[in-house]
Amino acid sequence: GGGTIVPAEDPESIAAAIVTLCTQPLD
């Protein structure tokens, strides 16, 4: 834990992970 691994060379997956981290429930 402590974060997430995203595929290499995949800015779309990185962007999706950003959105998830910034909008998921605070807990």
PDB file of all heavy atoms in Angstrom:
ATOM      1  N   GLY A   1       0.815  -1.210   0.000  1.00  0.00           N
ATOM      2  CA  GLY A   1       0.000   0.000   0.000  1.00  0.00           C
ATOM      3  C   GLY A   1       0.848   1.258   0.000  1.00  0.00           C
ATOM      4  O   GLY A   1       2.066   1.206  -0.159  1.00  0.00           O
ATOM      5  N   GLY A   2       0.196   2.374   0.176  1.00  0.00           N
ATOM      6  CA  GLY A   2       0.909   3.648   0.158  1.00  0.00           C
ATOM      7  C   GLY A   2       0.910   4.318  -1.197  1.00  0.00           C
ATOM      8  O   GLY A   2       1.530   5.358  -1.387  1.00  0.00           O
ATOM      9  N   GLY A   3       0.179   3.704  -2.137  1.00  0.00           N
ATOM     10  CA  GLY A   3       0.124   4.271  -3.472  1.00  0.00           C
ATOM     11  C   GLY A   3      -0.297   3.223  -4.470  1.00  0.00           C
ATOM     12  O   GLY A   3      -0.882   2.193  -4.111  1.00  0.00           O
ATOM     13  N   THR A   4      -0.004   3.491  -5.723  1.00  0.00           N
ATOM     14  CA  THR A   4      -0.426   2.576  -6.778  1.00  0.00           C
ATOM     15  C   THR A   4       0.627   2.487  -7.863  1.00  0.00           C
ATOM     16  O   THR A   4       1.320   3.470  -8.152  1.00  0.00           O
ATOM     17  CB  THR A   4      -1.775   3.030  -7.387  1.00  0.00           C
ATOM     18  OG1 THR A   4      -2.209   2.086  -8.356  1.00  0.00           O
ATOM     19  CG2 THR A   4      -1.640   4.396  -8.048  1.00  0.00           C
ATOM     20  N   ILE A   5       0.774   1.313  -8.457  1.00  0.00           N
ATOM     21  CA  ILE A   5       1.655   1.107  -9.597  1.00  0.00           C
ATOM     22  C   ILE A   5       0.830   1.243 -10.866  1.00  0.00           C
ATOM     23  O   ILE A   5      -0.263   0.670 -10.978  1.00  0.00           O
ATOM     24  CB  ILE A   5       2.310  -0.289  -9.556  1.00  0.00           C
ATOM     25  CG1 ILE A   5       3.220  -0.435  -8.333  1.00  0.00           C
ATOM     26  CG2 ILE A   5       3.090  -0.556 -10.837  1.00  0.00           C
ATOM     27  CD1 ILE A   5       4.511   0.337  -8.425  1.00  0.00           C
ATOM     28  N   VAL A   6       1.345   1.999 -11.825  1.00  0.00           N
ATOM     29  CA  VAL A   6       0.671   2.178 -13.111  1.00  0.00           C
ATOM     30  C   VAL A   6       1.568   1.627 -14.209  1.00  0.00           C
ATOM     31  O   VAL A   6       2.784   1.521 -14.044  1.00  0.00           O
ATOM     32  CB  VAL A   6       0.360   3.664 -13.368  1.00  0.00           C
ATOM     33  CG1 VAL A   6      -0.678   4.175 -12.385  1.00  0.00           C
ATOM     34  CG2 VAL A   6       1.633   4.512 -13.284  1.00  0.00           C
ATOM     35  N   PRO A   7       0.993   1.275 -15.363  1.00  0.00           N
ATOM     36  CA  PRO A   7       1.820   0.742 -16.445  1.00  0.00           C
ATOM     37  C   PRO A   7       2.836   1.766 -16.936  1.00  0.00           C
ATOM     38  O   PRO A   7       2.607   2.979 -16.876  1.00  0.00           O
ATOM     39  CB  PRO A   7       0.798   0.422 -17.540  1.00  0.00           C
ATOM     40  CG  PRO A   7      -0.514   0.301 -16.836  1.00  0.00           C
ATOM     41  CD  PRO A   7      -0.444   1.268 -15.690  1.00  0.00           C
ATOM     42  N   ALA A   8       3.959   1.260 -17.418  1.00  0.00           N
ATOM     43  CA  ALA A   8       4.974   2.140 -17.987  1.00  0.00           C
ATOM     44  C   ALA A   8       4.461   2.758 -19.291  1.00  0.00           C
ATOM     45  O   ALA A   8       3.621   2.175 -19.975  1.00  0.00           O
ATOM     46  CB  ALA A   8       6.255   1.343 -18.251  1.00  0.00           C
ATOM     47  N   GLU A   9       4.954   3.944 -19.601  1.00  0.00           N
ATOM     48  CA  GLU A   9       4.625   4.626 -20.849  1.00  0.00           C
ATOM     49  C   GLU A   9       3.121   4.792 -21.045  1.00  0.00           C
ATOM     50  O   GLU A   9       2.606   4.647 -22.162  1.00  0.00           O
ATOM     51  CB  GLU A   9       5.217   3.865 -22.041  1.00  0.00           C
ATOM     52  CG  GLU A   9       6.716   3.694 -22.009  1.00  0.00           C
ATOM     53  CD  GLU A   9       7.483   5.009 -22.182  1.00  0.00           C
ATOM     54  OE1 GLU A   9       6.879   6.001 -22.652  1.00  0.00           O
ATOM     55  OE2 GLU A   9       8.674   5.032 -21.828  1.00  0.00           O
ATOM     56  N   ASP A  10       2.406   5.123 -19.981  1.00  0.00           N
ATOM     57  CA  ASP A  10       0.943   5.191 -20.070  1.00  0.00           C
ATOM     58  C   ASP A  10       0.426   6.407 -19.308  1.00  0.00           C
ATOM     59  O   ASP A  10      -0.076   6.288 -18.190  1.00  0.00           O
ATOM     60  CB  ASP A  10       0.341   3.906 -19.498  1.00  0.00           C
ATOM     61  CG  ASP A  10      -1.144   3.758 -19.817  1.00  0.00           C
ATOM     62  OD1 ASP A  10      -1.774   4.767 -20.204  1.00  0.00           O
ATOM     63  OD2 ASP A  10      -1.672   2.639 -19.668  1.00  0.00           O
ATOM     64  N   PRO A  11       0.540   7.619 -19.893  1.00  0.00           N
ATOM     65  CA  PRO A  11       0.080   8.823 -19.191  1.00  0.00           C
ATOM     66  C   PRO A  11      -1.409   8.794 -18.869  1.00  0.00           C
ATOM     67  O   PRO A  11      -1.847   9.396 -17.888  1.00  0.00           O
ATOM     68  CB  PRO A  11       0.443   9.955 -20.157  1.00  0.00           C
ATOM     69  CG  PRO A  11       0.670   9.310 -21.479  1.00  0.00           C
ATOM     70  CD  PRO A  11       1.145   7.933 -21.195  1.00  0.00           C
ATOM     71  N   GLU A  12      -2.198   8.075 -19.696  1.00  0.00           N
ATOM     72  CA  GLU A  12      -3.628   7.999 -19.413  1.00  0.00           C
ATOM     73  C   GLU A  12      -3.894   7.274 -18.093  1.00  0.00           C
ATOM     74  O   GLU A  12      -4.742   7.701 -17.302  1.00  0.00           O
ATOM     75  CB  GLU A  12      -4.359   7.277 -20.561  1.00  0.00           C
ATOM     76  CG  GLU A  12      -4.451   8.064 -21.850  1.00  0.00           C
ATOM     77  CD  GLU A  12      -3.174   8.021 -22.682  1.00  0.00           C
ATOM     78  OE1 GLU A  12      -2.265   7.219 -22.332  1.00  0.00           O
ATOM     79  OE2 GLU A  12      -3.057   8.774 -23.661  1.00  0.00           O
ATOM     80  N   SER A  13      -3.151   6.198 -17.851  1.00  0.00           N
ATOM     81  CA  SER A  13      -3.328   5.476 -16.587  1.00  0.00           C
ATOM     82  C   SER A  13      -2.840   6.306 -15.402  1.00  0.00           C
ATOM     83  O   SER A  13      -3.435   6.273 -14.319  1.00  0.00           O
ATOM     84  CB  SER A  13      -2.575   4.145 -16.631  1.00  0.00           C
ATOM     85  OG  SER A  13      -3.169   3.257 -17.551  1.00  0.00           O
ATOM     86  N   ILE A  14      -1.756   7.047 -15.600  1.00  0.00           N
ATOM     87  CA  ILE A  14      -1.257   7.921 -14.530  1.00  0.00           C
ATOM     88  C   ILE A  14      -2.303   8.981 -14.220  1.00  0.00           C
ATOM     89  O   ILE A  14      -2.597   9.272 -13.044  1.00  0.00           O
ATOM     90  CB  ILE A  14       0.080   8.570 -14.936  1.00  0.00           C
ATOM     91  CG1 ILE A  14       1.132   7.500 -15.236  1.00  0.00           C
ATOM     92  CG2 ILE A  14       0.577   9.504 -13.827  1.00  0.00           C
ATOM     93  CD1 ILE A  14       2.398   8.043 -15.879  1.00  0.00           C
ATOM     94  N   ALA A  15      -2.885   9.568 -15.269  1.00  0.00           N
ATOM     95  CA  ALA A  15      -3.914  10.595 -15.070  1.00  0.00           C
ATOM     96  C   ALA A  15      -5.120  10.027 -14.337  1.00  0.00           C
ATOM     97  O   ALA A  15      -5.677  10.672 -13.430  1.00  0.00           O
ATOM     98  CB  ALA A  15      -4.343  11.166 -16.425  1.00  0.00           C
ATOM     99  N   ALA A  16      -5.536   8.819 -14.700  1.00  0.00           N
ATOM    100  CA  ALA A  16      -6.675   8.197 -14.025  1.00  0.00           C
ATOM    101  C   ALA A  16      -6.377   7.981 -12.549  1.00  0.00           C
ATOM    102  O   ALA A  16      -7.252   8.170 -11.684  1.00  0.00           O
ATOM    103  CB  ALA A  16      -7.023   6.876 -14.710  1.00  0.00           C
ATOM    104  N   ALA A  17      -5.136   7.594 -12.237  1.00  0.00           N
ATOM    105  CA  ALA A  17      -4.755   7.391 -10.838  1.00  0.00           C
ATOM    106  C   ALA A  17      -4.760   8.716 -10.082  1.00  0.00           C
ATOM    107  O   ALA A  17      -5.139   8.766  -8.904  1.00  0.00           O
ATOM    108  CB  ALA A  17      -3.382   6.741 -10.762  1.00  0.00           C
ATOM    109  N   ILE A  18      -4.334   9.789 -10.740  1.00  0.00           N
ATOM    110  CA  ILE A  18      -4.383  11.122 -10.105  1.00  0.00           C
ATOM    111  C   ILE A  18      -5.821  11.475  -9.747  1.00  0.00           C
ATOM    112  O   ILE A  18      -6.119  11.905  -8.617  1.00  0.00           O
ATOM    113  CB  ILE A  18      -3.791  12.190 -11.037  1.00  0.00           C
ATOM    114  CG1 ILE A  18      -2.280  11.975 -11.222  1.00  0.00           C
ATOM    115  CG2 ILE A  18      -4.065  13.594 -10.482  1.00  0.00           C
ATOM    116  CD1 ILE A  18      -1.660  12.884 -12.276  1.00  0.00           C
ATOM    117  N   VAL A  19      -6.722  11.305 -10.694  1.00  0.00           N
ATOM    118  CA  VAL A  19      -8.123  11.650 -10.465  1.00  0.00           C
ATOM    119  C   VAL A  19      -8.692  10.807  -9.324  1.00  0.00           C
ATOM    120  O   VAL A  19      -9.394  11.319  -8.440  1.00  0.00           O
ATOM    121  CB  VAL A  19      -8.945  11.456 -11.758  1.00  0.00           C
ATOM    122  CG1 VAL A  19     -10.435  11.656 -11.475  1.00  0.00           C
ATOM    123  CG2 VAL A  19      -8.482  12.437 -12.828  1.00  0.00           C
ATOM    124  N   THR A  20      -8.362   9.523  -9.313  1.00  0.00           N
ATOM    125  CA  THR A  20      -8.863   8.653  -8.247  1.00  0.00           C
ATOM    126  C   THR A  20      -8.377   9.111  -6.883  1.00  0.00           C
ATOM    127  O   THR A  20      -9.162   9.234  -5.928  1.00  0.00           O
ATOM    128  CB  THR A  20      -8.423   7.199  -8.495  1.00  0.00           C
ATOM    129  OG1 THR A  20      -9.019   6.731  -9.705  1.00  0.00           O
ATOM    130  CG2 THR A  20      -8.858   6.302  -7.341  1.00  0.00           C
ATOM    131  N   LEU A  21      -7.072   9.373  -6.759  1.00  0.00           N
ATOM    132  CA  LEU A  21      -6.522   9.782  -5.464  1.00  0.00           C
ATOM    133  C   LEU A  21      -7.103  11.111  -4.994  1.00  0.00           C
ATOM    134  O   LEU A  21      -7.261  11.339  -3.797  1.00  0.00           O
ATOM    135  CB  LEU A  21      -4.999   9.886  -5.554  1.00  0.00           C
ATOM    136  CG  LEU A  21      -4.202   8.614  -5.307  1.00  0.00           C
ATOM    137  CD1 LEU A  21      -2.716   8.867  -5.522  1.00  0.00           C
ATOM    138  CD2 LEU A  21      -4.424   8.095  -3.896  1.00  0.00           C
ATOM    139  N   CYS A  22      -7.378  11.977  -5.933  1.00  0.00           N
ATOM    140  CA  CYS A  22      -7.842  13.324  -5.562  1.00  0.00           C
ATOM    141  C   CYS A  22      -9.348  13.413  -5.374  1.00  0.00           C
ATOM    142  O   CYS A  22      -9.851  14.473  -4.955  1.00  0.00           O
ATOM    143  CB  CYS A  22      -7.396  14.339  -6.624  1.00  0.00           C
ATOM    144  SG  CYS A  22      -5.603  14.585  -6.694  1.00  0.00           S
ATOM    145  N   THR A  23     -10.090  12.340  -5.660  1.00  0.00           N
ATOM    146  CA  THR A  23     -11.549  12.395  -5.527  1.00  0.00           C
ATOM    147  C   THR A  23     -12.106  11.265  -4.661  1.00  0.00           C
ATOM    148  O   THR A  23     -13.296  11.308  -4.314  1.00  0.00           O
ATOM    149  CB  THR A  23     -12.225  12.316  -6.916  1.00  0.00           C
ATOM    150  OG1 THR A  23     -11.846  11.091  -7.579  1.00  0.00           O
ATOM    151  CG2 THR A  23     -11.819  13.501  -7.782  1.00  0.00           C
ATOM    152  N   GLN A  24     -11.275  10.288  -4.303  1.00  0.00           N
ATOM    153  CA  GLN A  24     -11.781   9.178  -3.507  1.00  0.00           C
ATOM    154  C   GLN A  24     -12.174   9.671  -2.115  1.00  0.00           C
ATOM    155  O   GLN A  24     -11.754  10.753  -1.676  1.00  0.00           O
ATOM    156  CB  GLN A  24     -10.732   8.064  -3.398  1.00  0.00           C
ATOM    157  CG  GLN A  24      -9.486   8.472  -2.649  1.00  0.00           C
ATOM    158  CD  GLN A  24      -8.395   7.419  -2.688  1.00  0.00           C
ATOM    159  OE1 GLN A  24      -7.361   7.595  -2.070  1.00  0.00           O
ATOM    160  NE2 GLN A  24      -8.585   6.311  -3.397  1.00  0.00           N
ATOM    161  N   PRO A  25     -12.987   8.905  -1.386  1.00  0.00           N
ATOM    162  CA  PRO A  25     -13.357   9.312  -0.025  1.00  0.00           C
ATOM    163  C   PRO A  25     -12.123   9.615   0.819  1.00  0.00           C
ATOM    164  O   PRO A  25     -11.087   8.965   0.684  1.00  0.00           O
ATOM    165  CB  PRO A  25     -14.117   8.091   0.503  1.00  0.00           C
ATOM    166  CG  PRO A  25     -14.692   7.462  -0.723  1.00  0.00           C
ATOM    167  CD  PRO A  25     -13.668   7.659  -1.788  1.00  0.00           C
ATOM    168  N   LEU A  26     -12.248  10.604   1.693  1.00  0.00           N
ATOM    169  CA  LEU A  26     -11.108  11.061   2.477  1.00  0.00           C
ATOM    170  C   LEU A  26     -10.490   9.952   3.314  1.00  0.00           C
ATOM    171  O   LEU A  26      -9.273   9.904   3.484  1.00  0.00           O
ATOM    172  CB  LEU A  26     -11.523  12.221   3.388  1.00  0.00           C
ATOM    173  CG  LEU A  26     -11.757  13.571   2.702  1.00  0.00           C
ATOM    174  CD1 LEU A  26     -12.233  14.604   3.712  1.00  0.00           C
ATOM    175  CD2 LEU A  26     -10.476  14.047   2.022  1.00  0.00           C
ATOM    176  N   ASP A  27     -11.328   9.056   3.859  1.00  0.00           N
ATOM    177  CA  ASP A  27     -10.765   7.997   4.692  1.00  0.00           C
ATOM    178  C   ASP A  27      -9.883   7.053   3.870  1.00  0.00           C
ATOM    179  O   ASP A  27      -8.884   6.528   4.370  1.00  0.00           O
ATOM    180  CB  ASP A  27     -11.862   7.236   5.422  1.00  0.00           C
ATOM    181  CG  ASP A  27     -12.836   6.543   4.463  1.00  0.00           C
ATOM    182  OD1 ASP A  27     -13.005   7.028   3.325  1.00  0.00           O
ATOM    183  OD2 ASP A  27     -13.432   5.523   4.861  1.00  0.00           O
TER     184      ASP A  27
END
